[in-house]
Amino acid sequence: QVQLVESGGGLVQAGGSLRLSCAASGSISGINSMGWYRQTPGKQRELVAQISSSGSTTFADSVKGRFTISRDNTKNTVHLQMGSLKPEDTAVYYCSAEVRPPASTYLYTYWGQGTQVTVSS
């Protein structure tokens, strides 16, 4: 009963910026970490950035200094601000959230459908 919907993907030239957004909805009591992963053909899904419920962040080495992640706990949304984009950033980006359903102490990981980001040279 939880849905994650990403938006903001598209085509951008190298050096440009793009902002991805993800909104979680459904039967949600609370959300711990939220994050962004990306995947390209022939490669495993990799963590891009993650943010805890308290605001602690983690970034992949390849995006440190270029990307920022933020969240709005009242709206159950997470954003990825991508700057200084490189062609190697081209991938399908997936939103992820660790969700605690009502009346549950367990966390379940949910994923969005993915949004394509293409960086041209």
PDB file of N, CA and C in Angstrom:
ATOM      1  N   GLN A   1       0.827  -1.218   0.000  1.00  0.00           N
ATOM      2  CA  GLN A   1       0.000   0.000   0.000  1.00  0.00           C
ATOM      3  C   GLN A   1       0.852   1.254   0.000  1.00  0.00           C
ATOM      4  N   VAL A   2       2.119   1.107  -0.322  1.00  0.00           N
ATOM      5  CA  VAL A   2       3.035   2.237  -0.382  1.00  0.00           C
ATOM      6  C   VAL A   2       3.492   2.420  -1.812  1.00  0.00           C
ATOM      7  N   GLN A   3       3.507   3.648  -2.242  1.00  0.00           N
ATOM      8  CA  GLN A   3       3.927   3.973  -3.591  1.00  0.00           C
ATOM      9  C   GLN A   3       4.940   5.092  -3.559  1.00  0.00           C
ATOM     10  N   LEU A   4       5.996   4.935  -4.336  1.00  0.00           N
ATOM     11  CA  LEU A   4       6.993   5.971  -4.514  1.00  0.00           C
ATOM     12  C   LEU A   4       6.967   6.412  -5.970  1.00  0.00           C
ATOM     13  N   VAL A   5       6.858   7.696  -6.181  1.00  0.00           N
ATOM     14  CA  VAL A   5       6.774   8.237  -7.527  1.00  0.00           C
ATOM     15  C   VAL A   5       7.886   9.255  -7.729  1.00  0.00           C
ATOM     16  N   GLU A   6       8.753   8.987  -8.704  1.00  0.00           N
ATOM     17  CA  GLU A   6       9.844   9.895  -9.027  1.00  0.00           C
ATOM     18  C   GLU A   6       9.443  10.849 -10.137  1.00  0.00           C
ATOM     19  N   SER A   7      10.088  11.984 -10.156  1.00  0.00           N
ATOM     20  CA  SER A   7       9.890  12.949 -11.220  1.00  0.00           C
ATOM     21  C   SER A   7      11.153  13.788 -11.366  1.00  0.00           C
ATOM     22  N   GLY A   8      11.270  14.457 -12.484  1.00  0.00           N
ATOM     23  CA  GLY A   8      12.368  15.380 -12.687  1.00  0.00           C
ATOM     24  C   GLY A   8      13.465  14.899 -13.606  1.00  0.00           C
ATOM     25  N   GLY A   9      13.396  13.656 -14.039  1.00  0.00           N
ATOM     26  CA  GLY A   9      14.408  13.159 -14.945  1.00  0.00           C
ATOM     27  C   GLY A   9      14.295  13.811 -16.306  1.00  0.00           C
ATOM     28  N   GLY A  10      15.347  13.672 -17.091  1.00  0.00           N
ATOM     29  CA  GLY A  10      15.332  14.254 -18.418  1.00  0.00           C
ATOM     30  C   GLY A  10      16.706  14.286 -19.029  1.00  0.00           C
ATOM     31  N   LEU A  11      16.821  15.102 -20.056  1.00  0.00           N
ATOM     32  CA  LEU A  11      18.060  15.256 -20.807  1.00  0.00           C
ATOM     33  C   LEU A  11      18.706  16.583 -20.464  1.00  0.00           C
ATOM     34  N   VAL A  12      19.986  16.541 -20.171  1.00  0.00           N
ATOM     35  CA  VAL A  12      20.718  17.745 -19.821  1.00  0.00           C
ATOM     36  C   VAL A  12      22.137  17.642 -20.369  1.00  0.00           C
ATOM     37  N   GLN A  13      22.715  18.774 -20.706  1.00  0.00           N
ATOM     38  CA  GLN A  13      24.084  18.790 -21.192  1.00  0.00           C
ATOM     39  C   GLN A  13      25.077  18.686 -20.042  1.00  0.00           C
ATOM     40  N   ALA A  14      26.251  18.172 -20.350  1.00  0.00           N
ATOM     41  CA  ALA A  14      27.300  18.082 -19.346  1.00  0.00           C
ATOM     42  C   ALA A  14      27.551  19.444 -18.717  1.00  0.00           C
ATOM     43  N   GLY A  15      27.706  19.436 -17.408  1.00  0.00           N
ATOM     44  CA  GLY A  15      27.895  20.671 -16.675  1.00  0.00           C
ATOM     45  C   GLY A  15      26.609  21.278 -16.167  1.00  0.00           C
ATOM     46  N   GLY A  16      25.497  20.760 -16.620  1.00  0.00           N
ATOM     47  CA  GLY A  16      24.213  21.278 -16.213  1.00  0.00           C
ATOM     48  C   GLY A  16      23.724  20.694 -14.910  1.00  0.00           C
ATOM     49  N   SER A  17      22.497  21.053 -14.563  1.00  0.00           N
ATOM     50  CA  SER A  17      21.902  20.618 -13.308  1.00  0.00           C
ATOM     51  C   SER A  17      20.529  20.016 -13.551  1.00  0.00           C
ATOM     52  N   LEU A  18      20.126  19.183 -12.622  1.00  0.00           N
ATOM     53  CA  LEU A  18      18.824  18.552 -12.684  1.00  0.00           C
ATOM     54  C   LEU A  18      18.389  18.233 -11.263  1.00  0.00           C
ATOM     55  N   ARG A  19      17.105  18.343 -11.017  1.00  0.00           N
ATOM     56  CA  ARG A  19      16.557  18.073  -9.690  1.00  0.00           C
ATOM     57  C   ARG A  19      15.538  16.946  -9.777  1.00  0.00           C
ATOM     58  N   LEU A  20      15.804  15.878  -9.056  1.00  0.00           N
ATOM     59  CA  LEU A  20      14.892  14.751  -8.982  1.00  0.00           C
ATOM     60  C   LEU A  20      14.078  14.826  -7.703  1.00  0.00           C
ATOM     61  N   SER A  21      12.829  14.433  -7.798  1.00  0.00           N
ATOM     62  CA  SER A  21      11.951  14.434  -6.644  1.00  0.00           C
ATOM     63  C   SER A  21      11.264  13.087  -6.528  1.00  0.00           C
ATOM     64  N   CYS A  22      10.945  12.721  -5.311  1.00  0.00           N
ATOM     65  CA  CYS A  22      10.260  11.471  -5.045  1.00  0.00           C
ATOM     66  C   CYS A  22       9.279  11.682  -3.912  1.00  0.00           C
ATOM     67  N   ALA A  23       8.057  11.252  -4.119  1.00  0.00           N
ATOM     68  CA  ALA A  23       7.021  11.374  -3.109  1.00  0.00           C
ATOM     69  C   ALA A  23       6.507   9.995  -2.719  1.00  0.00           C
ATOM     70  N   ALA A  24       6.477   9.740  -1.434  1.00  0.00           N
ATOM     71  CA  ALA A  24       5.951   8.488  -0.907  1.00  0.00           C
ATOM     72  C   ALA A  24       4.528   8.700  -0.418  1.00  0.00           C
ATOM     73  N   SER A  25       3.671   7.767  -0.728  1.00  0.00           N
ATOM     74  CA  SER A  25       2.284   7.864  -0.300  1.00  0.00           C
ATOM     75  C   SER A  25       1.757   6.480   0.041  1.00  0.00           C
ATOM     76  N   GLY A  26       0.650   6.449   0.759  1.00  0.00           N
ATOM     77  CA  GLY A  26       0.035   5.188   1.140  1.00  0.00           C
ATOM     78  C   GLY A  26      -0.004   5.015   2.642  1.00  0.00           C
ATOM     79  N   SER A  27       0.008   3.764   3.067  1.00  0.00           N
ATOM     80  CA  SER A  27      -0.062   3.434   4.489  1.00  0.00           C
ATOM     81  C   SER A  27       1.315   3.559   5.112  1.00  0.00           C
ATOM     82  N   ILE A  28       1.607   4.734   5.616  1.00  0.00           N
ATOM     83  CA  ILE A  28       2.922   5.041   6.156  1.00  0.00           C
ATOM     84  C   ILE A  28       2.783   5.597   7.561  1.00  0.00           C
ATOM     85  N   SER A  29       3.420   4.934   8.495  1.00  0.00           N
ATOM     86  CA  SER A  29       3.512   5.453   9.852  1.00  0.00           C
ATOM     87  C   SER A  29       4.757   6.306  10.028  1.00  0.00           C
ATOM     88  N   GLY A  30       5.832   5.882   9.388  1.00  0.00           N
ATOM     89  CA  GLY A  30       7.076   6.616   9.447  1.00  0.00           C
ATOM     90  C   GLY A  30       8.043   6.119   8.392  1.00  0.00           C
ATOM     91  N   ILE A  31       9.002   6.941   8.089  1.00  0.00           N
ATOM     92  CA  ILE A  31      10.028   6.590   7.119  1.00  0.00           C
ATOM     93  C   ILE A  31      11.391   6.836   7.744  1.00  0.00           C
ATOM     94  N   ASN A  32      12.217   5.816   7.715  1.00  0.00           N
ATOM     95  CA  ASN A  32      13.588   5.998   8.188  1.00  0.00           C
ATOM     96  C   ASN A  32      14.419   6.623   7.071  1.00  0.00           C
ATOM     97  N   SER A  33      15.296   5.870   6.470  1.00  0.00           N
ATOM     98  CA  SER A  33      16.129   6.441   5.427  1.00  0.00           C
ATOM     99  C   SER A  33      15.383   6.536   4.100  1.00  0.00           C
ATOM    100  N   MET A  34      15.764   7.508   3.308  1.00  0.00           N
ATOM    101  CA  MET A  34      15.307   7.651   1.941  1.00  0.00           C
ATOM    102  C   MET A  34      16.549   7.873   1.097  1.00  0.00           C
ATOM    103  N   GLY A  35      16.510   7.411  -0.114  1.00  0.00           N
ATOM    104  CA  GLY A  35      17.703   7.564  -0.919  1.00  0.00           C
ATOM    105  C   GLY A  35      17.462   7.422  -2.397  1.00  0.00           C
ATOM    106  N   TRP A  36      18.543   7.591  -3.123  1.00  0.00           N
ATOM    107  CA  TRP A  36      18.537   7.468  -4.565  1.00  0.00           C
ATOM    108  C   TRP A  36      19.602   6.484  -4.999  1.00  0.00           C
ATOM    109  N   TYR A  37      19.224   5.595  -5.883  1.00  0.00           N
ATOM    110  CA  TYR A  37      20.127   4.651  -6.500  1.00  0.00           C
ATOM    111  C   TYR A  37      20.069   4.844  -8.001  1.00  0.00           C
ATOM    112  N   ARG A  38      21.068   4.367  -8.695  1.00  0.00           N
ATOM    113  CA  ARG A  38      21.043   4.445 -10.144  1.00  0.00           C
ATOM    114  C   ARG A  38      21.586   3.163 -10.745  1.00  0.00           C
ATOM    115  N   GLN A  39      21.176   2.903 -11.964  1.00  0.00           N
ATOM    116  CA  GLN A  39      21.582   1.690 -12.636  1.00  0.00           C
ATOM    117  C   GLN A  39      21.713   1.933 -14.129  1.00  0.00           C
ATOM    118  N   THR A  40      22.784   1.419 -14.701  1.00  0.00           N
ATOM    119  CA  THR A  40      23.010   1.474 -16.136  1.00  0.00           C
ATOM    120  C   THR A  40      23.075   0.054 -16.663  1.00  0.00           C
ATOM    121  N   PRO A  41      22.849  -0.144 -17.965  1.00  0.00           N
ATOM    122  CA  PRO A  41      22.894  -1.493 -18.522  1.00  0.00           C
ATOM    123  C   PRO A  41      24.223  -2.179 -18.242  1.00  0.00           C
ATOM    124  N   GLY A  42      24.152  -3.410 -17.765  1.00  0.00           N
ATOM    125  CA  GLY A  42      25.342  -4.186 -17.495  1.00  0.00           C
ATOM    126  C   GLY A  42      26.004  -3.917 -16.159  1.00  0.00           C
ATOM    127  N   LYS A  43      25.438  -3.034 -15.374  1.00  0.00           N
ATOM    128  CA  LYS A  43      26.013  -2.721 -14.080  1.00  0.00           C
ATOM    129  C   LYS A  43      24.992  -2.934 -12.968  1.00  0.00           C
ATOM    130  N   GLN A  44      25.512  -3.198 -11.785  1.00  0.00           N
ATOM    131  CA  GLN A  44      24.657  -3.352 -10.622  1.00  0.00           C
ATOM    132  C   GLN A  44      24.124  -1.995 -10.168  1.00  0.00           C
ATOM    133  N   ARG A  45      22.988  -2.030  -9.552  1.00  0.00           N
ATOM    134  CA  ARG A  45      22.434  -0.828  -8.957  1.00  0.00           C
ATOM    135  C   ARG A  45      23.382  -0.303  -7.892  1.00  0.00           C
ATOM    136  N   GLU A  46      23.641   0.980  -7.884  1.00  0.00           N
ATOM    137  CA  GLU A  46      24.551   1.571  -6.928  1.00  0.00           C
ATOM    138  C   GLU A  46      23.893   2.709  -6.173  1.00  0.00           C
ATOM    139  N   LEU A  47      24.304   2.853  -4.939  1.00  0.00           N
ATOM    140  CA  LEU A  47      23.818   3.949  -4.119  1.00  0.00           C
ATOM    141  C   LEU A  47      24.400   5.260  -4.621  1.00  0.00           C
ATOM    142  N   VAL A  48      23.545   6.246  -4.791  1.00  0.00           N
ATOM    143  CA  VAL A  48      23.974   7.586  -5.156  1.00  0.00           C
ATOM    144  C   VAL A  48      24.020   8.469  -3.921  1.00  0.00           C
ATOM    145  N   ALA A  49      22.928   8.515  -3.199  1.00  0.00           N
ATOM    146  CA  ALA A  49      22.844   9.327  -2.000  1.00  0.00           C
ATOM    147  C   ALA A  49      21.739   8.794  -1.107  1.00  0.00           C
ATOM    148  N   GLN A  50      21.913   8.975   0.179  1.00  0.00           N
ATOM    149  CA  GLN A  50      20.940   8.514   1.150  1.00  0.00           C
ATOM    150  C   GLN A  50      20.857   9.514   2.288  1.00  0.00           C
ATOM    151  N   ILE A  51      19.675   9.656   2.846  1.00  0.00           N
ATOM    152  CA  ILE A  51      19.481  10.574   3.958  1.00  0.00           C
ATOM    153  C   ILE A  51      18.617   9.899   5.008  1.00  0.00           C
ATOM    154  N   SER A  52      19.050   9.967   6.253  1.00  0.00           N
ATOM    155  CA  SER A  52      18.322   9.356   7.347  1.00  0.00           C
ATOM    156  C   SER A  52      17.190  10.266   7.796  1.00  0.00           C
ATOM    157  N   SER A  53      16.373   9.758   8.701  1.00  0.00           N
ATOM    158  CA  SER A  53      15.270  10.551   9.225  1.00  0.00           C
ATOM    159  C   SER A  53      15.751  11.758  10.010  1.00  0.00           C
ATOM    160  N   SER A  54      16.970  11.687  10.532  1.00  0.00           N
ATOM    161  CA  SER A  54      17.535  12.794  11.287  1.00  0.00           C
ATOM    162  C   SER A  54      18.355  13.749  10.430  1.00  0.00           C
ATOM    163  N   GLY A  55      18.535  13.405   9.161  1.00  0.00           N
ATOM    164  CA  GLY A  55      19.240  14.290   8.259  1.00  0.00           C
ATOM    165  C   GLY A  55      20.658  13.901   7.925  1.00  0.00           C
ATOM    166  N   SER A  56      21.151  12.802   8.474  1.00  0.00           N
ATOM    167  CA  SER A  56      22.486  12.341   8.126  1.00  0.00           C
ATOM    168  C   SER A  56      22.512  11.872   6.683  1.00  0.00           C
ATOM    169  N   THR A  57      23.574  12.199   5.979  1.00  0.00           N
ATOM    170  CA  THR A  57      23.643  11.898   4.552  1.00  0.00           C
ATOM    171  C   THR A  57      24.839  11.040   4.205  1.00  0.00           C
ATOM    172  N   THR A  58      24.682  10.289   3.145  1.00  0.00           N
ATOM    173  CA  THR A  58      25.736   9.464   2.590  1.00  0.00           C
ATOM    174  C   THR A  58      25.737   9.655   1.080  1.00  0.00           C
ATOM    175  N   PHE A  59      26.916   9.799   0.498  1.00  0.00           N
ATOM    176  CA  PHE A  59      27.036   9.987  -0.933  1.00  0.00           C
ATOM    177  C   PHE A  59      28.049   9.021  -1.512  1.00  0.00           C
ATOM    178  N   ALA A  60      27.796   8.607  -2.728  1.00  0.00           N
ATOM    179  CA  ALA A  60      28.799   7.864  -3.457  1.00  0.00           C
ATOM    180  C   ALA A  60      29.985   8.772  -3.743  1.00  0.00           C
ATOM    181  N   ASP A  61      31.178   8.201  -3.741  1.00  0.00           N
ATOM    182  CA  ASP A  61      32.369   8.998  -3.988  1.00  0.00           C
ATOM    183  C   ASP A  61      32.293   9.736  -5.320  1.00  0.00           C
ATOM    184  N   SER A  62      31.654   9.127  -6.293  1.00  0.00           N
ATOM    185  CA  SER A  62      31.604   9.702  -7.621  1.00  0.00           C
ATOM    186  C   SER A  62      30.748  10.959  -7.716  1.00  0.00           C
ATOM    187  N   VAL A  63      29.901  11.201  -6.719  1.00  0.00           N
ATOM    188  CA  VAL A  63      29.010  12.360  -6.781  1.00  0.00           C
ATOM    189  C   VAL A  63      29.252  13.351  -5.660  1.00  0.00           C
ATOM    190  N   LYS A  64      30.166  13.061  -4.763  1.00  0.00           N
ATOM    191  CA  LYS A  64      30.448  13.963  -3.654  1.00  0.00           C
ATOM    192  C   LYS A  64      30.878  15.333  -4.172  1.00  0.00           C
ATOM    193  N   GLY A  65      30.294  16.351  -3.591  1.00  0.00           N
ATOM    194  CA  GLY A  65      30.592  17.708  -4.005  1.00  0.00           C
ATOM    195  C   GLY A  65      29.763  18.205  -5.158  1.00  0.00           C
ATOM    196  N   ARG A  66      29.050  17.317  -5.814  1.00  0.00           N
ATOM    197  CA  ARG A  66      28.228  17.695  -6.958  1.00  0.00           C
ATOM    198  C   ARG A  66      26.740  17.536  -6.696  1.00  0.00           C
ATOM    199  N   PHE A  67      26.382  16.536  -5.907  1.00  0.00           N
ATOM    200  CA  PHE A  67      24.977  16.245  -5.626  1.00  0.00           C
ATOM    201  C   PHE A  67      24.650  16.590  -4.182  1.00  0.00           C
ATOM    202  N   THR A  68      23.413  16.966  -3.943  1.00  0.00           N
ATOM    203  CA  THR A  68      22.904  17.127  -2.596  1.00  0.00           C
ATOM    204  C   THR A  68      21.575  16.401  -2.478  1.00  0.00           C
ATOM    205  N   ILE A  69      21.281  15.929  -1.281  1.00  0.00           N
ATOM    206  CA  ILE A  69      20.031  15.241  -1.033  1.00  0.00           C
ATOM    207  C   ILE A  69      19.320  15.928   0.128  1.00  0.00           C
ATOM    208  N   SER A  70      18.018  16.019   0.034  1.00  0.00           N
ATOM    209  CA  SER A  70      17.226  16.639   1.081  1.00  0.00           C
ATOM    210  C   SER A  70      15.884  15.927   1.182  1.00  0.00           C
ATOM    211  N   ARG A  71      15.194  16.157   2.279  1.00  0.00           N
ATOM    212  CA  ARG A  71      13.890  15.528   2.462  1.00  0.00           C
ATOM    213  C   ARG A  71      12.962  16.444   3.245  1.00  0.00           C
ATOM    214  N   ASP A  72      11.689  16.218   3.061  1.00  0.00           N
ATOM    215  CA  ASP A  72      10.658  16.916   3.797  1.00  0.00           C
ATOM    216  C   ASP A  72       9.828  15.850   4.493  1.00  0.00           C
ATOM    217  N   ASN A  73      10.010  15.716   5.790  1.00  0.00           N
ATOM    218  CA  ASN A  73       9.349  14.653   6.533  1.00  0.00           C
ATOM    219  C   ASN A  73       7.835  14.841   6.633  1.00  0.00           C
ATOM    220  N   THR A  74       7.375  16.077   6.526  1.00  0.00           N
ATOM    221  CA  THR A  74       5.941  16.316   6.594  1.00  0.00           C
ATOM    222  C   THR A  74       5.238  15.923   5.308  1.00  0.00           C
ATOM    223  N   LYS A  75       5.974  15.905   4.217  1.00  0.00           N
ATOM    224  CA  LYS A  75       5.406  15.556   2.921  1.00  0.00           C
ATOM    225  C   LYS A  75       5.864  14.194   2.423  1.00  0.00           C
ATOM    226  N   ASN A  76       6.751  13.544   3.175  1.00  0.00           N
ATOM    227  CA  ASN A  76       7.312  12.252   2.767  1.00  0.00           C
ATOM    228  C   ASN A  76       7.931  12.331   1.372  1.00  0.00           C
ATOM    229  N   THR A  77       8.717  13.358   1.184  1.00  0.00           N
ATOM    230  CA  THR A  77       9.384  13.537  -0.097  1.00  0.00           C
ATOM    231  C   THR A  77      10.891  13.606   0.093  1.00  0.00           C
ATOM    232  N   VAL A  78      11.603  13.244  -0.941  1.00  0.00           N
ATOM    233  CA  VAL A  78      13.048  13.342  -0.962  1.00  0.00           C
ATOM    234  C   VAL A  78      13.457  13.906  -2.313  1.00  0.00           C
ATOM    235  N   HIS A  79      14.507  14.712  -2.302  1.00  0.00           N
ATOM    236  CA  HIS A  79      14.968  15.361  -3.519  1.00  0.00           C
ATOM    237  C   HIS A  79      16.453  15.121  -3.709  1.00  0.00           C
ATOM    238  N   LEU A  80      16.845  15.024  -4.940  1.00  0.00           N
ATOM    239  CA  LEU A  80      18.248  14.910  -5.292  1.00  0.00           C
ATOM    240  C   LEU A  80      18.578  16.034  -6.247  1.00  0.00           C
ATOM    241  N   GLN A  81      19.385  16.965  -5.781  1.00  0.00           N
ATOM    242  CA  GLN A  81      19.830  18.071  -6.611  1.00  0.00           C
ATOM    243  C   GLN A  81      21.164  17.687  -7.229  1.00  0.00           C
ATOM    244  N   MET A  82      21.192  17.564  -8.527  1.00  0.00           N
ATOM    245  CA  MET A  82      22.376  17.128  -9.239  1.00  0.00           C
ATOM    246  C   MET A  82      22.971  18.298 -10.001  1.00  0.00           C
ATOM    247  N   GLY A  83      24.222  18.583  -9.732  1.00  0.00           N
ATOM    248  CA  GLY A  83      24.925  19.652 -10.406  1.00  0.00           C
ATOM    249  C   GLY A  83      26.211  19.151 -11.034  1.00  0.00           C
ATOM    250  N   SER A  84      26.771  19.979 -11.901  1.00  0.00           N
ATOM    251  CA  SER A  84      28.003  19.618 -12.610  1.00  0.00           C
ATOM    252  C   SER A  84      27.904  18.224 -13.207  1.00  0.00           C
ATOM    253  N   LEU A  85      26.808  17.970 -13.868  1.00  0.00           N
ATOM    254  CA  LEU A  85      26.540  16.633 -14.372  1.00  0.00           C
ATOM    255  C   LEU A  85      27.542  16.211 -15.436  1.00  0.00           C
ATOM    256  N   LYS A  86      27.855  14.939 -15.419  1.00  0.00           N
ATOM    257  CA  LYS A  86      28.788  14.333 -16.345  1.00  0.00           C
ATOM    258  C   LYS A  86      28.084  13.251 -17.145  1.00  0.00           C
ATOM    259  N   PRO A  87      28.576  12.939 -18.337  1.00  0.00           N
ATOM    260  CA  PRO A  87      27.964  11.855 -19.105  1.00  0.00           C
ATOM    261  C   PRO A  87      27.882  10.544 -18.340  1.00  0.00           C
ATOM    262  N   GLU A  88      28.848  10.275 -17.477  1.00  0.00           N
ATOM    263  CA  GLU A  88      28.825   9.046 -16.704  1.00  0.00           C
ATOM    264  C   GLU A  88      27.739   9.016 -15.643  1.00  0.00           C
ATOM    265  N   ASP A  89      27.061  10.135 -15.430  1.00  0.00           N
ATOM    266  CA  ASP A  89      25.913  10.159 -14.530  1.00  0.00           C
ATOM    267  C   ASP A  89      24.657   9.622 -15.202  1.00  0.00           C
ATOM    268  N   THR A  90      24.722   9.398 -16.490  1.00  0.00           N
ATOM    269  CA  THR A  90      23.581   8.877 -17.220  1.00  0.00           C
ATOM    270  C   THR A  90      23.169   7.520 -16.669  1.00  0.00           C
ATOM    271  N   ALA A  91      21.915   7.400 -16.296  1.00  0.00           N
ATOM    272  CA  ALA A  91      21.412   6.166 -15.700  1.00  0.00           C
ATOM    273  C   ALA A  91      19.922   6.317 -15.431  1.00  0.00           C
ATOM    274  N   VAL A  92      19.315   5.211 -15.056  1.00  0.00           N
ATOM    275  CA  VAL A  92      17.978   5.257 -14.501  1.00  0.00           C
ATOM    276  C   VAL A  92      18.124   5.432 -12.999  1.00  0.00           C
ATOM    277  N   TYR A  93      17.484   6.437 -12.471  1.00  0.00           N
ATOM    278  CA  TYR A  93      17.578   6.747 -11.056  1.00  0.00           C
ATOM    279  C   TYR A  93      16.322   6.268 -10.336  1.00  0.00           C
ATOM    280  N   TYR A  94      16.534   5.552  -9.250  1.00  0.00           N
ATOM    281  CA  TYR A  94      15.446   4.973  -8.479  1.00  0.00           C
ATOM    282  C   TYR A  94      15.399   5.563  -7.079  1.00  0.00           C
ATOM    283  N   CYS A  95      14.227   5.913  -6.665  1.00  0.00           N
ATOM    284  CA  CYS A  95      14.001   6.369  -5.309  1.00  0.00           C
ATOM    285  C   CYS A  95      13.741   5.171  -4.405  1.00  0.00           C
ATOM    286  N   SER A  96      14.252   5.236  -3.192  1.00  0.00           N
ATOM    287  CA  SER A  96      14.066   4.165  -2.225  1.00  0.00           C
ATOM    288  C   SER A  96      13.690   4.753  -0.869  1.00  0.00           C
ATOM    289  N   ALA A  97      12.872   4.028  -0.140  1.00  0.00           N
ATOM    290  CA  ALA A  97      12.473   4.471   1.189  1.00  0.00           C
ATOM    291  C   ALA A  97      12.269   3.281   2.101  1.00  0.00           C
ATOM    292  N   GLU A  98      12.758   3.401   3.323  1.00  0.00           N
ATOM    293  CA  GLU A  98      12.515   2.408   4.355  1.00  0.00           C
ATOM    294  C   GLU A  98      11.286   2.847   5.126  1.00  0.00           C
ATOM    295  N   VAL A  99      10.198   2.123   4.940  1.00  0.00           N
ATOM    296  CA  VAL A  99       8.892   2.534   5.432  1.00  0.00           C
ATOM    297  C   VAL A  99       8.440   1.645   6.582  1.00  0.00           C
ATOM    298  N   ARG A 100       7.909   2.266   7.622  1.00  0.00           N
ATOM    299  CA  ARG A 100       7.288   1.547   8.716  1.00  0.00           C
ATOM    300  C   ARG A 100       5.781   1.676   8.568  1.00  0.00           C
ATOM    301  N   PRO A 101       5.095   0.576   8.293  1.00  0.00           N
ATOM    302  CA  PRO A 101       3.637   0.638   8.177  1.00  0.00           C
ATOM    303  C   PRO A 101       2.989   0.921   9.527  1.00  0.00           C
ATOM    304  N   PRO A 102       1.738   1.343   9.524  1.00  0.00           N
ATOM    305  CA  PRO A 102       1.028   1.551  10.792  1.00  0.00           C
ATOM    306  C   PRO A 102       0.994   0.280  11.627  1.00  0.00           C
ATOM    307  N   ALA A 103       1.128   0.439  12.931  1.00  0.00           N
ATOM    308  CA  ALA A 103       1.065  -0.667  13.894  1.00  0.00           C
ATOM    309  C   ALA A 103       2.134  -1.720  13.637  1.00  0.00           C
ATOM    310  N   SER A 104       3.280  -1.293  13.165  1.00  0.00           N
ATOM    311  CA  SER A 104       4.364  -2.216  12.884  1.00  0.00           C
ATOM    312  C   SER A 104       5.691  -1.608  13.320  1.00  0.00           C
ATOM    313  N   THR A 105       6.572  -2.465  13.824  1.00  0.00           N
ATOM    314  CA  THR A 105       7.916  -2.037  14.178  1.00  0.00           C
ATOM    315  C   THR A 105       8.926  -2.420  13.109  1.00  0.00           C
ATOM    316  N   TYR A 106       8.464  -3.099  12.070  1.00  0.00           N
ATOM    317  CA  TYR A 106       9.335  -3.529  10.996  1.00  0.00           C
ATOM    318  C   TYR A 106       9.452  -2.466   9.923  1.00  0.00           C
ATOM    319  N   LEU A 107      10.576  -2.480   9.258  1.00  0.00           N
ATOM    320  CA  LEU A 107      10.817  -1.591   8.139  1.00  0.00           C
ATOM    321  C   LEU A 107      10.808  -2.387   6.847  1.00  0.00           C
ATOM    322  N   TYR A 108      10.193  -1.819   5.830  1.00  0.00           N
ATOM    323  CA  TYR A 108      10.141  -2.432   4.521  1.00  0.00           C
ATOM    324  C   TYR A 108      10.676  -1.449   3.496  1.00  0.00           C
ATOM    325  N   THR A 109      11.503  -1.954   2.623  1.00  0.00           N
ATOM    326  CA  THR A 109      12.094  -1.110   1.598  1.00  0.00           C
ATOM    327  C   THR A 109      11.208  -1.091   0.360  1.00  0.00           C
ATOM    328  N   TYR A 110      10.881   0.103  -0.093  1.00  0.00           N
ATOM    329  CA  TYR A 110      10.079   0.288  -1.289  1.00  0.00           C
ATOM    330  C   TYR A 110      10.885   1.050  -2.325  1.00  0.00           C
ATOM    331  N   TRP A 111      10.525   0.820  -3.570  1.00  0.00           N
ATOM    332  CA  TRP A 111      11.236   1.419  -4.689  1.00  0.00           C
ATOM    333  C   TRP A 111      10.284   2.101  -5.643  1.00  0.00           C
ATOM    334  N   GLY A 112      10.742   3.176  -6.218  1.00  0.00           N
ATOM    335  CA  GLY A 112       9.987   3.829  -7.265  1.00  0.00           C
ATOM    336  C   GLY A 112      10.202   3.145  -8.590  1.00  0.00           C
ATOM    337  N   GLN A 113       9.533   3.643  -9.598  1.00  0.00           N
ATOM    338  CA  GLN A 113       9.593   3.020 -10.920  1.00  0.00           C
ATOM    339  C   GLN A 113      10.841   3.410 -11.699  1.00  0.00           C
ATOM    340  N   GLY A 114      11.529   4.425 -11.251  1.00  0.00           N
ATOM    341  CA  GLY A 114      12.733   4.884 -11.913  1.00  0.00           C
ATOM    342  C   GLY A 114      12.468   6.031 -12.868  1.00  0.00           C
ATOM    343  N   THR A 115      13.438   6.901 -12.988  1.00  0.00           N
ATOM    344  CA  THR A 115      13.352   8.006 -13.930  1.00  0.00           C
ATOM    345  C   THR A 115      14.687   8.135 -14.657  1.00  0.00           C
ATOM    346  N   GLN A 116      14.617   8.314 -15.959  1.00  0.00           N
ATOM    347  CA  GLN A 116      15.815   8.343 -16.787  1.00  0.00           C
ATOM    348  C   GLN A 116      16.489   9.702 -16.717  1.00  0.00           C
ATOM    349  N   VAL A 117      17.783   9.677 -16.478  1.00  0.00           N
ATOM    350  CA  VAL A 117      18.614  10.872 -16.540  1.00  0.00           C
ATOM    351  C   VAL A 117      19.669  10.646 -17.605  1.00  0.00           C
ATOM    352  N   THR A 118      19.703  11.515 -18.586  1.00  0.00           N
ATOM    353  CA  THR A 118      20.671  11.409 -19.661  1.00  0.00           C
ATOM    354  C   THR A 118      21.482  12.694 -19.738  1.00  0.00           C
ATOM    355  N   VAL A 119      22.787  12.548 -19.655  1.00  0.00           N
ATOM    356  CA  VAL A 119      23.696  13.686 -19.717  1.00  0.00           C
ATOM    357  C   VAL A 119      24.488  13.585 -21.012  1.00  0.00           C
ATOM    358  N   SER A 120      24.325  14.556 -21.857  1.00  0.00           N
ATOM    359  CA  SER A 120      25.009  14.564 -23.140  1.00  0.00           C
ATOM    360  C   SER A 120      26.322  15.314 -23.049  1.00  0.00           C
ATOM    361  N   SER A 121      27.248  14.962 -23.913  1.00  0.00           N
ATOM    362  CA  SER A 121      28.542  15.621 -23.956  1.00  0.00           C
ATOM    363  C   SER A 121      28.619  16.633 -25.081  1.00  0.00           C
TER     364      SER A 121
END
